[in-house]
């Protein structure tokens, strides 16, 4: 449980991604902190708590960090380096992210809708799973590191190609379909970036 003061100036500072202004306090004799749903502006408060009580584990539950990471660096949000400084140290123990896609084909049915999920139950691998219908999934590939979403989609498409559901394409058409950017900024190689987010 994080303890916050309700001072207006501290609320304003937290909106700017500057933390709690010193109002976060560690609690004595705690075995674990559990953070349930936080905004991007509240993440620096959790970092502050981790510094105040570094020996006590902090469990993030239903935080949707991929969505929150997308806000980093925007006005009134923590800077992008917050990803490498703190968020990259959060280890995904149970992870489930579903995605739906469509792909046009040159022959019937002309449009293939498919979906899959990226799943992990620690210490197991990140698994690319293809939805086979009726609430069932088939494992396509296992990865020791979390694949970027672009690679995750490629793994699903490659499985559909192997099954003959979609056909191989020329490199030009494949590039036009995917574009030049298939990763988000925190998945890219950057100077001084941490790869811890993908383990």
Protein backbone atom coordinates (compact mmCIF):
# COMPACT_ATOMS: atom_id res chain seq x y z
CA UNK A 1 0.00 0.00 0.00
CA UNK A 2 1.41 3.36 -0.98
CA UNK A 3 0.70 6.21 1.36
CA UNK A 4 0.06 9.53 -0.40
CA UNK A 5 -0.42 13.02 0.89
CA UNK A 6 -3.26 14.87 -0.82
CA UNK A 7 -1.45 18.21 -1.09
CA UNK A 8 -2.41 20.01 -4.35
CA UNK A 9 1.20 20.77 -5.26
CA UNK A 10 2.10 17.08 -4.92
CA UNK A 11 -0.78 16.08 -7.17
CA UNK A 12 0.49 18.62 -9.73
CA UNK A 13 4.07 17.24 -9.50
CA UNK A 14 2.84 13.69 -10.01
CA UNK A 15 0.95 14.83 -13.12
CA UNK A 16 4.27 16.03 -14.51
CA UNK A 17 5.85 12.64 -13.86
CA UNK A 18 8.06 13.95 -11.06
CA UNK A 19 7.05 11.48 -8.39
CA UNK A 20 5.25 12.02 -5.13
CA UNK A 21 7.42 14.82 -3.81
CA UNK A 22 8.52 12.65 -0.89
CA UNK A 23 5.09 11.52 0.28
CA UNK A 24 5.69 7.82 -0.52
CA UNK A 25 6.67 5.96 2.63
CA UNK A 26 7.78 2.39 3.18
CA UNK A 27 5.76 0.39 5.68
CA UNK A 28 7.54 -1.48 8.47
CA UNK A 29 7.45 -5.28 8.65
CA UNK A 30 6.02 -5.79 5.15
CA UNK A 31 6.82 -8.97 3.23
CA UNK A 32 5.65 -7.70 -0.15
CA UNK A 33 4.04 -4.68 -1.82
CA UNK A 34 1.33 -5.30 -4.41
CA UNK A 35 0.57 -2.54 -6.92
CA UNK A 36 -2.75 -2.95 -8.68
CA UNK A 37 -3.38 -0.79 -11.74
CA UNK A 38 -1.33 2.41 -11.88
CA UNK A 39 -1.12 5.26 -14.33
CA UNK A 40 2.10 6.23 -16.08
CA UNK A 41 2.34 9.25 -13.77
CA UNK A 42 2.22 6.97 -10.71
CA UNK A 43 5.07 4.72 -11.88
CA UNK A 44 7.78 7.04 -10.45
CA UNK A 45 6.09 6.62 -7.04
CA UNK A 46 6.60 2.86 -7.32
CA UNK A 47 10.23 3.43 -8.28
CA UNK A 48 10.58 5.68 -5.23
CA UNK A 49 9.13 2.92 -3.03
CA UNK A 50 11.63 0.42 -4.48
CA UNK A 51 14.46 2.75 -3.45
CA UNK A 52 13.05 3.28 0.05
CA UNK A 53 12.66 -0.47 0.66
CA UNK A 54 14.97 -2.26 -1.81
CA UNK A 55 14.83 -5.64 -0.05
CA UNK A 56 11.05 -6.01 -0.22
CA UNK A 57 9.62 -7.36 -3.49
CA UNK A 58 7.04 -5.31 -5.37
CA UNK A 59 4.44 -7.23 -7.37
CA UNK A 60 2.77 -5.44 -10.26
CA UNK A 61 -0.69 -6.81 -10.97
CA UNK A 62 -2.65 -5.95 -14.11
CA UNK A 63 -0.42 -2.94 -14.81
CA UNK A 64 -0.55 -3.07 -18.65
CA UNK A 65 3.02 -1.83 -18.78
CA UNK A 66 3.15 -2.04 -22.60
CA UNK A 67 0.42 0.59 -22.78
CA UNK A 68 2.06 2.72 -20.09
CA UNK A 69 5.45 2.53 -21.82
CA UNK A 70 3.87 4.10 -24.88
CA UNK A 71 3.18 7.27 -22.87
CA UNK A 72 6.74 7.71 -21.62
CA UNK A 73 8.43 10.80 -22.98
CA UNK A 74 5.17 12.62 -23.72
CA UNK A 75 4.43 15.94 -21.96
CA UNK A 76 3.32 15.41 -18.34
CA UNK A 77 4.66 11.82 -18.35
CA UNK A 78 7.92 10.33 -17.08
CA UNK A 79 10.85 10.52 -19.54
CA UNK A 80 11.69 7.61 -21.86
CA UNK A 81 14.81 6.75 -19.86
CA UNK A 82 12.42 5.64 -17.09
CA UNK A 83 11.98 2.46 -19.18
CA UNK A 84 15.65 1.53 -18.91
CA UNK A 85 16.14 2.86 -15.40
CA UNK A 86 13.20 1.11 -13.76
CA UNK A 87 10.58 -0.62 -15.92
CA UNK A 88 13.12 -2.89 -17.62
CA UNK A 89 13.78 -4.41 -14.19
CA UNK A 90 10.16 -5.63 -13.86
CA UNK A 91 10.16 -9.37 -14.59
CA UNK A 92 7.00 -10.70 -16.31
CA UNK A 93 5.98 -13.70 -14.24
CA UNK A 94 2.53 -14.19 -15.75
CA UNK A 95 2.00 -12.49 -19.08
CA UNK A 96 -0.87 -12.75 -21.55
CA UNK A 97 -1.28 -10.40 -24.50
CA UNK A 98 -3.78 -11.19 -27.25
CA UNK A 99 -3.73 -9.75 -30.77
CA UNK A 100 -6.08 -9.99 -33.77
CA UNK A 101 -4.93 -9.63 -37.37
CA UNK A 102 -6.27 -9.83 -40.92
CA UNK A 103 -4.38 -10.80 -44.05
CA UNK A 104 -5.56 -10.56 -47.64
CA UNK A 105 -4.86 -13.45 -50.01
CA UNK A 106 -4.94 -13.78 -53.80
CA UNK A 107 -7.33 -16.75 -53.67
CA UNK A 108 -10.46 -17.61 -51.70
CA UNK A 109 -11.36 -16.74 -49.00
CA UNK A 110 -9.39 -13.53 -49.98
CA UNK A 111 -9.27 -12.41 -46.36
CA UNK A 112 -7.91 -14.49 -43.49
CA UNK A 113 -8.69 -13.32 -39.96
CA UNK A 114 -6.48 -14.83 -37.30
CA UNK A 115 -5.53 -14.18 -33.73
CA UNK A 116 -3.03 -15.36 -31.22
CA UNK A 117 -1.54 -14.58 -27.87
CA UNK A 118 1.85 -14.11 -26.36
CA UNK A 119 1.90 -16.06 -23.10
CA UNK A 120 4.36 -16.65 -20.30
CA UNK A 121 4.18 -18.40 -16.98
CA UNK A 122 7.55 -17.90 -15.26
CA UNK A 123 10.06 -19.55 -15.39
CA UNK A 124 8.78 -20.93 -18.69
CA UNK A 125 9.41 -19.46 -22.10
CA UNK A 126 7.41 -16.75 -23.82
CA UNK A 127 5.07 -18.74 -26.06
CA UNK A 128 3.55 -17.65 -29.34
CA UNK A 129 0.12 -19.30 -29.44
CA UNK A 130 -2.26 -19.40 -32.42
CA UNK A 131 -6.00 -19.38 -31.73
CA UNK A 132 -7.41 -22.51 -33.38
CA UNK A 133 -11.02 -21.69 -32.50
CA UNK A 134 -13.39 -22.74 -29.73
CA UNK A 135 -11.14 -21.16 -27.11
CA UNK A 136 -8.19 -23.42 -27.92
CA UNK A 137 -4.63 -22.36 -28.70
CA UNK A 138 -1.77 -24.19 -30.35
CA UNK A 139 1.86 -23.43 -29.51
CA UNK A 140 3.69 -22.06 -32.53
CA UNK A 141 7.04 -21.16 -31.01
CA UNK A 142 8.77 -20.74 -27.69
CA UNK A 143 11.20 -17.91 -26.99
CA UNK A 144 13.62 -17.45 -24.09
CA UNK A 145 13.31 -13.70 -24.58
CA UNK A 146 10.08 -11.85 -25.18
CA UNK A 147 9.68 -11.28 -28.92
CA UNK A 148 8.71 -7.80 -30.15
CA UNK A 149 5.10 -7.65 -31.40
CA UNK A 150 6.31 -7.50 -35.02
CA UNK A 151 8.19 -10.79 -34.61
CA UNK A 152 5.24 -12.30 -32.75
CA UNK A 153 3.00 -11.53 -35.75
CA UNK A 154 5.61 -12.95 -38.16
CA UNK A 155 5.68 -16.19 -36.15
CA UNK A 156 1.89 -16.52 -36.44
CA UNK A 157 1.97 -15.77 -40.18
CA UNK A 158 4.80 -18.24 -40.76
CA UNK A 159 2.74 -20.95 -39.08
CA UNK A 160 -0.22 -20.10 -41.35
CA UNK A 161 2.13 -20.35 -44.35
CA UNK A 162 3.38 -23.73 -43.14
CA UNK A 163 -0.24 -24.90 -42.95
CA UNK A 164 -0.98 -23.56 -46.44
CA UNK A 165 -3.59 -21.09 -45.16
CA UNK A 166 -1.71 -18.11 -46.63
CA UNK A 167 0.80 -18.12 -49.47
CA UNK A 168 4.40 -16.94 -49.66
CA UNK A 169 4.87 -13.41 -50.98
CA UNK A 170 7.59 -11.51 -52.76
CA UNK A 171 9.93 -9.43 -50.60
CA UNK A 172 8.45 -6.23 -52.00
CA UNK A 173 4.88 -7.20 -51.14
CA UNK A 174 5.97 -8.42 -47.71
CA UNK A 175 7.67 -5.05 -47.06
CA UNK A 176 4.58 -3.16 -48.21
CA UNK A 177 2.46 -5.26 -45.88
CA UNK A 178 4.63 -4.78 -42.79
CA UNK A 179 6.33 -1.44 -43.43
CA UNK A 180 9.78 -0.47 -42.27
CA UNK A 181 8.97 -0.29 -38.55
CA UNK A 182 7.85 -3.45 -36.77
CA UNK A 183 8.93 -2.63 -33.22
CA UNK A 184 8.02 -0.08 -30.60
CA UNK A 185 10.67 2.32 -29.33
CA UNK A 186 11.53 0.31 -26.19
CA UNK A 187 12.00 -2.88 -28.25
CA UNK A 188 14.60 -1.26 -30.51
CA UNK A 189 18.36 -1.26 -30.08
CA UNK A 190 19.20 2.06 -28.45
CA UNK A 191 22.33 3.47 -26.93
CA UNK A 192 22.42 2.63 -23.20
CA UNK A 193 19.21 0.60 -23.54
CA UNK A 194 18.51 -2.31 -21.24
CA UNK A 195 17.38 -5.66 -22.63
CA UNK A 196 16.02 -6.73 -19.25
CA UNK A 197 12.42 -5.98 -20.37
CA UNK A 198 12.45 -9.03 -22.63
CA UNK A 199 13.52 -11.68 -20.09
